[in-house]
Amino acid sequence: MTTPQRWPRNAQLSHFIHHAQTMPVPQAVLHEAKRALIDYLGVALGAVNDDAVRAVRQVARQWNASGAARVILGETTTPGLAALINATMAHAADYDDTHPAGAGHPGGPCWSTALAMAQAHPVSEEQVLKAFIAGFEVMAKLGGGWVPGVGRNLQRRGFHPTSIVGRAGATAVAASVLGLDELQIQNALGAAATMMGGLQKSSGTHGKPFHAGKAAMDGILAAQLAAEGFVGAHHFYEADGWVKNFIQDGSAEIPPLDFTESWELLTNGYKLYASCRGTHASIETARQLYPHLKGRGITRIEAKVHPMGMVNAGILNPQTPLESKFSIPHCITLALCGYALTDTDFTPQTVADPAPRALLPLLHVEAVEGQSASSAFIDVWLEDGEVLHARTEVYRGHAQNPLTDQELRAKFDALAIPALGAEKSEALYQAAAHFERPGSLATLTALLAGDNTACKDNH
C-alpha cells in the first residue's frame, strides 16, 4: 500500500490510517510493536501509585463514567478516561520509550489508546497491533525530522512534542479500531489538531506525564466525535497548518509522509535510566568513571553535551525527584556517586544526598553545537592530580545501540514483579510478547485488573 506524496498531507494521513488494517507489516515491525507493549506495561506498572497518576485517577473516579476499558490495576471506565490515566501512568516516571528523531514518547499515548479502545470494541489482537503501529507511524512521522525537523523545533520553542503530535497518533489508533472511513478520519484529525498543545516547561512537574494522558484521551475523543458526524478542519496538516502555527518563522523542515517506505517503529528507543533521554549519554559516561574514583576527592568536572540536552534537562539545582530527572548536572553527580539511575534512585533521599550535591558546584556543563545528541564527554580532575576521561558515542537504548529482548525483559520484571508478583508478571509478559495470539488481549486485560487494591488511595 503506497500513499502518493503529491496528495495533500491530510489525504495521505487519512488514506494510510484507513488502510492500516490491510497493509502488509514486516515481522520486524510487529516484533517491535510487542517490545513497545512490554516496555509500556512495565513502566506503567512501576508508576501505578505515582502522585500524578493518583490525582488524575481520583478526578476520573469523580466523573463516575462506566465502560469496559481497564484502568491498570484499577476499575473499568470509558476508553477516554482509561487512556487518560494509563498514559499518564506510562509517562509518570519518564522511563518510557522515546522516538529519537523528535516525536517524543509514542508508547504511552498510542498503546493506552489501543488497549482502551480494544477493550471496549470487538477487535482481534492483529487489529490492535496494526492500530498501534498506524498511530506510532503517524505520530513519529509528523514529529520527526531530527534536529531541523518538527519535534526538535517544537522543543526549542517551548512545546512538548508528545503532547502535540501524540494527539494525532492517538487519533489514528482510535480511528483504526473504530474503522472510520477516510472522510471521517480527516474530520477526526482536524478535531485532534485544534486540541493540540503542551508546554515543555512542565518538565519536573505532574504536567509532563499528563501531556501523554491528555493526548490519548483527546485522540479517542476526536475519533469518537468524527464517528458521530463531527466536521473538523482539513487543512491543519498542510505546510501552512499546525506546524506554521507553532513554529511561526517557518524554519522547521517538515518530513515527508513516506508511509511503508520506512518504519519509524524500528527506530524506537527504550530507556535504561528513569530520566529525561537528554540525560542518558551523560549518565552512561559518568557511570564509566565511578569505578575509577575509588573514594578519591574531586576538584573539577567538565561535561560536553548536545545543546538540546540542556534545553530539555537543564535544571541546575533540582529540589524534587521529578526535577532531578530533568537535570543533567544532578544526574552526572548522582552517577559519579554510584547511583544506577533506575526508577528507585529518584527519591527525596537521593535528591537530598549531600555527596552528589557537593559535586554540583564543581561541575561545568558545556552545550556543544554539532555534537551528537546520543553522545557525552566528561573529564574529572582528582585531588591527587590524576585526570579521568570518559566518552559515550551512543548510549544504550538508542536505536543504534538497542536493548536486547533480555535487557527489556529484565527492565519489565524489575517494574512489574513488585506490582503483580512473579507469577502474574510472567503471564503478563508472555501475553504481551505473543500478543498476536488470539486470546492474548483478554488475558492481558484480566491480569491488569490486579486485585483492584494496589492503586487504592489511602484516605
Protein backbone atom coordinates (compact mmCIF):
# COMPACT_ATOMS: atom_id res chain seq x y z
CA MET A 1 0.00 0.00 0.00
CA THR A 2 1.52 3.29 -1.10
CA THR A 3 0.38 6.81 -0.37
CA PRO A 4 1.17 9.26 -3.20
CA GLN A 5 3.18 12.17 -1.81
CA ARG A 6 1.61 14.54 -4.35
CA TRP A 7 -1.65 14.23 -2.41
CA PRO A 8 -2.46 16.80 0.28
CA ARG A 9 -0.91 15.66 3.56
CA ASN A 10 -4.31 15.28 5.22
CA ALA A 11 -5.33 12.88 2.43
CA GLN A 12 -2.06 10.96 2.81
CA LEU A 13 -2.69 10.57 6.53
CA SER A 14 -6.32 9.52 6.22
CA HIS A 15 -5.53 7.06 3.40
CA PHE A 16 -2.78 5.42 5.44
CA ILE A 17 -4.88 5.19 8.61
CA HIS A 18 -7.93 3.86 6.75
CA HIS A 19 -5.89 1.11 5.10
CA ALA A 20 -3.78 0.28 8.15
CA GLN A 21 -5.71 -2.90 8.88
CA THR A 22 -4.96 -4.38 5.44
CA MET A 23 -1.40 -3.18 4.98
CA PRO A 24 1.40 -5.76 4.99
CA VAL A 25 3.60 -5.29 8.06
CA PRO A 26 7.11 -6.78 8.24
CA GLN A 27 7.73 -9.23 11.05
CA ALA A 28 10.44 -6.97 12.48
CA VAL A 29 7.89 -4.16 12.84
CA LEU A 30 5.36 -6.46 14.52
CA HIS A 31 8.10 -7.64 16.91
CA GLU A 32 8.98 -4.04 17.76
CA ALA A 33 5.32 -3.26 18.42
CA LYS A 34 5.30 -6.05 21.01
CA ARG A 35 8.56 -4.79 22.52
CA ALA A 36 6.91 -1.39 22.84
CA LEU A 37 3.95 -3.07 24.57
CA ILE A 38 6.23 -4.87 27.03
CA ASP A 39 8.03 -1.63 27.87
CA TYR A 40 4.74 0.28 28.15
CA LEU A 41 3.26 -2.22 30.58
CA GLY A 42 6.39 -2.29 32.71
CA VAL A 43 6.78 1.46 33.09
CA ALA A 44 3.06 1.91 33.73
CA LEU A 45 3.00 -0.74 36.46
CA GLY A 46 6.07 0.83 38.01
CA ALA A 47 4.25 4.16 38.34
CA VAL A 48 0.82 2.90 39.37
CA ASN A 49 0.97 4.79 42.69
CA ASP A 50 2.73 7.90 41.40
CA ASP A 51 1.33 11.15 42.76
CA ALA A 52 0.50 12.50 39.29
CA VAL A 53 -1.39 9.31 38.49
CA ARG A 54 -3.25 9.41 41.80
CA ALA A 55 -4.57 12.89 41.12
CA VAL A 56 -5.75 12.04 37.59
CA ARG A 57 -7.29 8.79 38.75
CA GLN A 58 -9.21 10.47 41.57
CA VAL A 59 -10.69 13.09 39.25
CA ALA A 60 -11.68 10.40 36.74
CA ARG A 61 -13.42 8.46 39.51
CA GLN A 62 -15.42 11.55 40.42
CA TRP A 63 -16.76 11.62 36.87
CA ASN A 64 -18.22 8.17 37.55
CA ALA A 65 -18.20 7.06 33.91
CA SER A 66 -18.95 3.42 33.20
CA GLY A 67 -17.33 1.35 30.47
CA ALA A 68 -15.28 -1.73 29.62
CA ALA A 69 -11.83 -0.12 29.33
CA ARG A 70 -9.44 -1.17 32.09
CA VAL A 71 -7.50 1.27 34.23
CA ILE A 72 -4.24 -0.52 35.05
CA LEU A 73 -4.68 -2.18 38.46
CA GLY A 74 -7.96 -0.34 38.83
CA GLU A 75 -11.56 -0.23 37.78
CA THR A 76 -13.12 -0.17 34.31
CA THR A 77 -14.41 3.02 32.75
CA THR A 78 -14.93 4.68 29.39
CA PRO A 79 -11.98 4.39 26.95
CA GLY A 80 -11.11 8.08 27.05
CA LEU A 81 -10.70 8.13 30.83
CA ALA A 82 -8.85 4.80 30.96
CA ALA A 83 -6.41 6.06 28.33
CA LEU A 84 -6.00 9.36 30.19
CA ILE A 85 -4.99 7.56 33.39
CA ASN A 86 -2.89 4.82 31.79
CA ALA A 87 -0.90 7.11 29.51
CA THR A 88 -0.23 9.47 32.42
CA MET A 89 0.95 6.40 34.32
CA ALA A 90 3.23 5.28 31.48
CA HIS A 91 4.99 8.66 31.33
CA ALA A 92 4.96 9.44 35.07
CA ALA A 93 8.49 8.19 35.78
CA ASP A 94 9.89 9.40 32.43
CA TYR A 95 11.06 5.82 31.96
CA ASP A 96 9.04 5.16 28.78
CA ASP A 97 10.10 4.80 25.17
CA THR A 98 11.47 7.65 23.07
CA HIS A 99 11.45 8.48 19.38
CA PRO A 100 14.98 9.73 18.61
CA ALA A 101 14.00 11.84 15.59
CA GLY A 102 11.86 14.12 17.74
CA ALA A 103 8.26 12.93 18.20
CA GLY A 104 8.62 12.36 21.94
CA HIS A 105 7.21 9.32 23.72
CA PRO A 106 4.83 7.36 21.45
CA GLY A 107 4.24 4.27 23.58
CA GLY A 108 2.12 5.90 26.28
CA PRO A 109 -0.44 7.68 24.08
CA CYS A 110 -0.59 5.00 21.39
CA TRP A 111 -0.67 1.81 23.49
CA SER A 112 -3.02 3.34 26.06
CA THR A 113 -5.40 4.24 23.26
CA ALA A 114 -5.09 0.87 21.54
CA LEU A 115 -5.80 -1.18 24.66
CA ALA A 116 -8.62 1.03 25.94
CA MET A 117 -10.38 1.04 22.58
CA ALA A 118 -9.85 -2.69 22.05
CA GLN A 119 -11.32 -3.48 25.46
CA ALA A 120 -14.46 -1.58 24.53
CA HIS A 121 -14.82 -2.74 20.91
CA PRO A 122 -14.75 -6.25 19.38
CA VAL A 123 -11.42 -6.38 17.53
CA SER A 124 -8.75 -9.03 17.14
CA GLU A 125 -5.23 -8.92 18.51
CA GLU A 126 -3.88 -8.43 14.98
CA GLN A 127 -6.16 -5.42 14.54
CA VAL A 128 -4.93 -3.95 17.82
CA LEU A 129 -1.30 -4.36 16.80
CA LYS A 130 -1.91 -2.73 13.42
CA ALA A 131 -3.85 0.13 15.01
CA PHE A 132 -0.94 0.77 17.38
CA ILE A 133 1.56 0.64 14.52
CA ALA A 134 -0.53 3.11 12.50
CA GLY A 135 -0.68 5.53 15.42
CA PHE A 136 3.03 5.22 16.12
CA GLU A 137 3.92 5.88 12.47
CA VAL A 138 1.61 8.89 12.25
CA MET A 139 2.94 10.40 15.47
CA ALA A 140 6.58 9.72 14.62
CA LYS A 141 6.45 10.96 11.01
CA LEU A 142 4.60 14.14 11.95
CA GLY A 143 7.04 14.94 14.75
CA GLY A 144 10.24 13.64 13.18
CA GLY A 145 12.97 15.19 11.09
CA TRP A 146 15.76 15.17 13.66
CA VAL A 147 17.45 18.49 14.59
CA PRO A 148 15.98 20.63 11.77
CA GLY A 149 12.64 18.81 11.91
CA VAL A 150 9.33 19.44 13.62
CA GLY A 151 9.73 17.86 17.06
CA ARG A 152 13.09 19.44 17.85
CA ASN A 153 11.85 22.83 16.66
CA LEU A 154 8.79 22.46 18.88
CA GLN A 155 11.05 21.79 21.87
CA ARG A 156 13.25 24.78 21.14
CA ARG A 157 10.12 26.93 21.21
CA GLY A 158 8.86 25.51 24.47
CA PHE A 159 6.35 22.91 23.26
CA HIS A 160 6.28 19.21 24.20
CA PRO A 161 6.06 17.00 21.05
CA THR A 162 4.42 14.10 22.93
CA SER A 163 1.51 16.35 23.77
CA ILE A 164 1.17 17.78 20.27
CA VAL A 165 1.78 15.00 17.75
CA GLY A 166 0.65 12.47 20.36
CA ARG A 167 -2.91 13.63 19.78
CA ALA A 168 -2.64 12.80 16.09
CA GLY A 169 -1.08 9.41 16.87
CA ALA A 170 -3.81 8.52 19.35
CA THR A 171 -6.46 9.68 16.89
CA ALA A 172 -5.01 7.35 14.26
CA VAL A 173 -5.14 4.41 16.70
CA ALA A 174 -8.73 5.09 17.75
CA ALA A 175 -9.89 5.72 14.17
CA SER A 176 -8.35 2.44 13.06
CA VAL A 177 -10.08 0.49 15.82
CA LEU A 178 -13.40 2.16 15.01
CA GLY A 179 -12.99 1.51 11.27
CA LEU A 180 -13.64 5.11 10.25
CA ASP A 181 -13.73 5.98 6.55
CA GLU A 182 -11.27 8.46 5.06
CA LEU A 183 -13.55 11.48 5.37
CA GLN A 184 -14.29 10.66 9.00
CA ILE A 185 -10.56 10.26 9.65
CA GLN A 186 -9.87 13.68 8.15
CA ASN A 187 -12.53 15.14 10.44
CA ALA A 188 -11.02 13.32 13.42
CA LEU A 189 -7.52 14.59 12.61
CA GLY A 190 -8.92 18.10 12.33
CA ALA A 191 -10.53 17.76 15.75
CA ALA A 192 -7.25 16.49 17.19
CA ALA A 193 -5.27 19.36 15.67
CA THR A 194 -7.47 22.03 17.20
CA MET A 195 -6.80 20.49 20.65
CA MET A 196 -3.00 20.36 20.25
CA GLY A 197 -0.88 21.92 22.99
CA GLY A 198 1.52 21.22 25.84
CA LEU A 199 4.35 23.29 27.31
CA GLN A 200 7.87 21.93 27.73
CA LYS A 201 8.30 23.93 30.95
CA SER A 202 6.00 21.38 32.60
CA SER A 203 9.08 19.14 32.89
CA GLY A 204 9.73 18.36 36.53
CA THR A 205 6.03 18.59 37.44
CA HIS A 206 2.93 16.41 37.07
CA GLY A 207 2.11 18.35 33.90
CA LYS A 208 4.54 16.45 31.69
CA PRO A 209 3.08 12.94 32.22
CA PHE A 210 -0.38 14.48 31.99
CA HIS A 211 0.57 15.55 28.46
CA ALA A 212 0.72 11.90 27.40
CA GLY A 213 -2.57 11.13 29.13
CA LYS A 214 -4.41 14.06 27.62
CA ALA A 215 -3.05 13.22 24.15
CA ALA A 216 -4.53 9.73 24.44
CA MET A 217 -7.84 10.97 25.78
CA ASP A 218 -8.18 13.66 23.12
CA GLY A 219 -7.29 11.22 20.34
CA ILE A 220 -10.13 8.96 21.41
CA LEU A 221 -12.45 11.94 21.76
CA ALA A 222 -11.56 13.16 18.26
CA ALA A 223 -12.23 9.76 16.67
CA GLN A 224 -15.49 9.30 18.56
CA LEU A 225 -16.67 12.76 17.56
CA ALA A 226 -15.92 12.05 13.89
CA ALA A 227 -17.83 8.77 14.10
CA GLU A 228 -20.87 10.81 15.14
CA GLY A 229 -20.62 13.26 12.25
CA PHE A 230 -18.35 15.94 13.72
CA VAL A 231 -16.73 18.05 10.99
CA GLY A 232 -13.15 19.21 11.59
CA ALA A 233 -10.86 21.43 9.52
CA HIS A 234 -8.97 19.51 6.83
CA HIS A 235 -6.09 21.94 6.26
CA PHE A 236 -4.23 21.64 9.57
CA TYR A 237 -1.66 19.11 8.32
CA GLU A 238 -0.57 21.07 5.26
CA ALA A 239 2.59 23.22 5.22
CA ASP A 240 0.70 26.30 6.44
CA GLY A 241 -1.22 24.38 9.11
CA TRP A 242 -0.42 23.42 12.68
CA VAL A 243 3.37 23.42 12.18
CA LYS A 244 3.23 27.03 10.96
CA ASN A 245 1.03 27.92 13.94
CA PHE A 246 3.56 26.56 16.44
CA ILE A 247 6.79 27.36 14.54
CA GLN A 248 5.86 30.69 13.02
CA ASP A 249 9.17 31.58 11.37
CA GLY A 250 8.84 28.59 9.04
CA SER A 251 12.26 27.21 9.97
CA ALA A 252 11.15 23.62 10.58
CA GLU A 253 11.83 21.10 7.85
CA ILE A 254 8.63 19.09 7.58
CA PRO A 255 9.49 15.43 6.93
CA PRO A 256 7.69 13.54 4.15
CA LEU A 257 4.92 11.10 4.98
CA ASP A 258 6.71 8.14 3.42
CA PHE A 259 4.40 5.53 4.92
CA THR A 260 5.53 1.89 4.47
CA GLU A 261 8.71 3.03 2.69
CA SER A 262 10.35 3.36 6.09
CA TRP A 263 9.12 2.27 9.52
CA GLU A 264 9.70 4.71 12.37
CA LEU A 265 8.89 1.96 14.87
CA LEU A 266 12.18 0.27 14.02
CA THR A 267 14.00 3.33 15.41
CA ASN A 268 12.17 3.31 18.76
CA GLY A 269 14.30 3.64 21.87
CA TYR A 270 13.84 2.13 25.34
CA LYS A 271 15.35 3.59 28.47
CA LEU A 272 17.82 2.03 30.87
CA TYR A 273 17.65 5.13 33.07
CA ALA A 274 14.49 6.59 34.58
CA SER A 275 15.09 10.16 33.49
CA CYS A 276 14.83 12.50 30.52
CA ARG A 277 16.51 10.97 27.49
CA GLY A 278 18.72 14.05 27.28
CA THR A 279 20.49 12.88 30.45
CA HIS A 280 21.28 9.34 29.30
CA ALA A 281 24.56 9.84 27.48
CA SER A 282 25.86 11.85 30.42
CA ILE A 283 24.72 9.23 32.92
CA GLU A 284 26.36 6.43 30.99
CA THR A 285 29.59 8.37 30.73
CA ALA A 286 29.65 9.24 34.43
CA ARG A 287 28.93 5.62 35.33
CA GLN A 288 32.05 4.61 33.39
CA LEU A 289 34.09 6.91 35.64
CA TYR A 290 32.64 5.87 39.01
CA PRO A 291 34.67 2.62 39.42
CA HIS A 292 37.90 4.58 38.86
CA LEU A 293 37.22 7.20 41.53
CA LYS A 294 37.83 4.80 44.44
CA GLY A 295 36.75 7.35 47.01
CA ARG A 296 39.27 9.98 45.91
CA GLY A 297 38.37 13.64 46.16
CA ILE A 298 37.21 15.54 43.07
CA THR A 299 38.27 19.13 42.37
CA ARG A 300 36.69 19.78 38.97
CA ILE A 301 34.28 18.19 36.48
CA GLU A 302 33.65 19.21 32.88
CA ALA A 303 30.98 17.69 30.65
CA LYS A 304 30.19 18.27 26.99
CA VAL A 305 26.64 17.53 25.79
CA HIS A 306 24.34 18.22 22.87
CA PRO A 307 22.60 21.63 23.16
CA MET A 308 19.10 20.11 23.24
CA GLY A 309 20.14 18.21 26.36
CA MET A 310 20.30 21.41 28.38
CA VAL A 311 17.08 22.67 26.78
CA ASN A 312 15.17 19.60 27.94
CA ALA A 313 17.14 18.68 31.05
CA GLY A 314 18.94 21.78 32.19
CA ILE A 315 17.60 22.18 35.74
CA LEU A 316 20.67 23.26 37.70
CA ASN A 317 19.51 22.87 41.30
CA PRO A 318 16.72 20.27 41.47
CA GLN A 319 14.67 20.13 44.64
CA THR A 320 12.40 17.15 43.90
CA PRO A 321 12.82 13.70 42.32
CA LEU A 322 10.93 14.88 39.23
CA GLU A 323 13.20 17.87 38.82
CA SER A 324 16.23 15.61 39.26
CA LYS A 325 15.08 13.54 36.27
CA PHE A 326 15.39 16.71 34.18
CA SER A 327 18.81 17.77 35.46
CA ILE A 328 21.89 16.70 33.50
CA PRO A 329 24.12 18.17 36.24
CA HIS A 330 22.47 16.25 39.08
CA CYS A 331 22.26 13.02 37.07
CA ILE A 332 26.01 13.28 36.42
CA THR A 333 26.84 13.80 40.09
CA LEU A 334 24.48 11.01 41.16
CA ALA A 335 26.18 8.62 38.74
CA LEU A 336 29.63 9.72 39.96
CA CYS A 337 28.47 8.78 43.46
CA GLY A 338 27.47 5.26 42.40
CA TYR A 339 23.75 5.57 41.73
CA ALA A 340 22.41 3.40 38.88
CA LEU A 341 19.70 5.96 37.99
CA THR A 342 16.91 3.39 37.68
CA ASP A 343 13.42 4.17 38.94
CA THR A 344 14.24 3.54 42.60
CA ASP A 345 17.13 6.03 42.53
CA PHE A 346 14.94 9.11 42.17
CA THR A 347 13.62 9.70 45.69
CA PRO A 348 13.59 12.61 48.16
CA GLN A 349 16.51 10.90 49.90
CA THR A 350 18.70 10.80 46.79
CA VAL A 351 17.78 14.38 45.89
CA ALA A 352 18.97 15.45 49.34
CA ASP A 353 22.07 13.21 49.41
CA PRO A 354 24.90 15.62 50.34
CA ALA A 355 27.59 13.76 48.36
CA PRO A 356 26.17 14.40 44.85
CA ARG A 357 25.11 17.90 45.93
CA ALA A 358 28.65 18.72 46.98
CA LEU A 359 29.83 17.96 43.44
CA LEU A 360 27.37 20.29 41.70
CA PRO A 361 29.46 23.48 42.24
CA LEU A 362 32.48 21.67 40.78
CA LEU A 363 30.66 20.75 37.56
CA HIS A 364 30.57 22.78 34.36
CA VAL A 365 28.33 21.54 31.53
CA GLU A 366 29.07 22.84 28.04
CA ALA A 367 26.47 22.57 25.28
CA VAL A 368 28.41 21.93 22.08
CA GLU A 369 26.86 22.84 18.75
CA GLY A 370 27.18 19.99 16.27
CA GLN A 371 27.73 17.30 18.90
CA SER A 372 25.61 14.19 18.51
CA ALA A 373 22.54 14.07 20.74
CA SER A 374 23.43 10.49 21.71
CA SER A 375 26.91 11.39 22.96
CA ALA A 376 28.59 12.89 26.02
CA PHE A 377 32.17 13.56 27.14
CA ILE A 378 33.23 14.01 30.78
CA ASP A 379 36.59 14.89 32.35
CA VAL A 380 37.16 14.65 36.11
CA TRP A 381 40.12 16.24 37.93
CA LEU A 382 41.11 14.50 41.19
CA GLU A 383 42.84 15.87 44.26
CA ASP A 384 45.83 13.57 43.69
CA GLY A 385 46.43 15.15 40.28
CA GLU A 386 45.01 12.44 38.04
CA VAL A 387 42.54 13.42 35.34
CA LEU A 388 39.95 10.86 34.26
CA HIS A 389 38.31 10.90 30.84
CA ALA A 390 35.23 9.04 29.56
CA ARG A 391 33.02 9.25 26.50
CA THR A 392 29.81 7.78 25.18
CA GLU A 393 29.14 7.93 21.46
CA VAL A 394 25.71 6.25 21.51
CA TYR A 395 24.00 5.45 24.81
CA ARG A 396 22.33 2.10 25.48
CA GLY A 397 18.68 2.03 24.48
CA HIS A 398 19.17 4.18 21.40
CA ALA A 399 18.14 2.51 18.13
CA GLN A 400 21.81 2.45 17.13
CA ASN A 401 22.69 0.70 20.41
CA PRO A 402 19.43 -1.07 21.25
CA LEU A 403 18.42 -3.02 24.31
CA THR A 404 18.23 -6.75 23.70
CA ASP A 405 14.99 -8.61 24.36
CA GLN A 406 16.64 -9.96 27.50
CA GLU A 407 17.52 -6.48 28.76
CA LEU A 408 13.98 -5.30 28.05
CA ARG A 409 12.65 -8.33 29.95
CA ALA A 410 14.88 -7.52 32.94
CA LYS A 411 13.55 -3.95 33.00
CA PHE A 412 9.96 -5.25 32.77
CA ASP A 413 10.49 -7.71 35.63
CA ALA A 414 12.03 -5.07 37.87
CA LEU A 415 8.95 -2.90 37.42
CA ALA A 416 6.14 -5.45 37.13
CA ILE A 417 7.02 -8.01 39.81
CA PRO A 418 6.70 -5.55 42.73
CA ALA A 419 3.24 -4.60 41.44
CA LEU A 420 1.89 -8.02 40.36
CA GLY A 421 4.09 -10.73 41.82
CA ALA A 422 6.29 -13.10 39.86
CA GLU A 423 3.57 -15.45 38.55
CA LYS A 424 1.25 -12.77 37.18
CA SER A 425 4.19 -10.80 35.81
CA GLU A 426 5.35 -13.84 33.87
CA ALA A 427 1.86 -14.37 32.47
CA LEU A 428 1.58 -10.70 31.51
CA TYR A 429 4.97 -10.76 29.79
CA GLN A 430 4.01 -13.83 27.77
CA ALA A 431 0.68 -12.27 26.74
CA ALA A 432 2.48 -9.14 25.52
CA ALA A 433 5.41 -10.95 23.88
CA HIS A 434 2.97 -13.15 21.93
CA PHE A 435 0.19 -10.61 21.58
CA GLU A 436 -0.70 -11.76 18.07
CA ARG A 437 -2.16 -14.97 19.52
CA PRO A 438 -5.96 -14.99 19.87
CA GLY A 439 -6.97 -14.54 23.49
CA SER A 440 -3.91 -12.51 24.47
CA LEU A 441 -5.94 -9.30 24.82
CA ALA A 442 -8.39 -10.96 27.21
CA THR A 443 -5.53 -12.47 29.22
CA LEU A 444 -3.71 -9.17 29.42
CA THR A 445 -6.88 -7.30 30.40
CA ALA A 446 -7.65 -9.78 33.19
CA LEU A 447 -4.11 -9.59 34.57
CA LEU A 448 -4.21 -5.81 34.60
CA ALA A 449 -7.29 -5.91 36.80
CA GLY A 450 -4.98 -6.96 39.65
CA ASP A 451 -6.90 -7.18 42.89
CA ASN A 452 -8.19 -3.60 42.50
CA THR A 453 -6.46 -2.67 45.74
CA ALA A 454 -2.94 -1.94 44.58
CA CYS A 455 -3.86 1.56 43.50
CA LYS A 456 -6.43 2.44 46.15
CA ASP A 457 -5.65 5.79 47.69
CA ASN A 458 -5.22 5.99 51.41
CA HIS A 459 -7.71 8.47 52.76
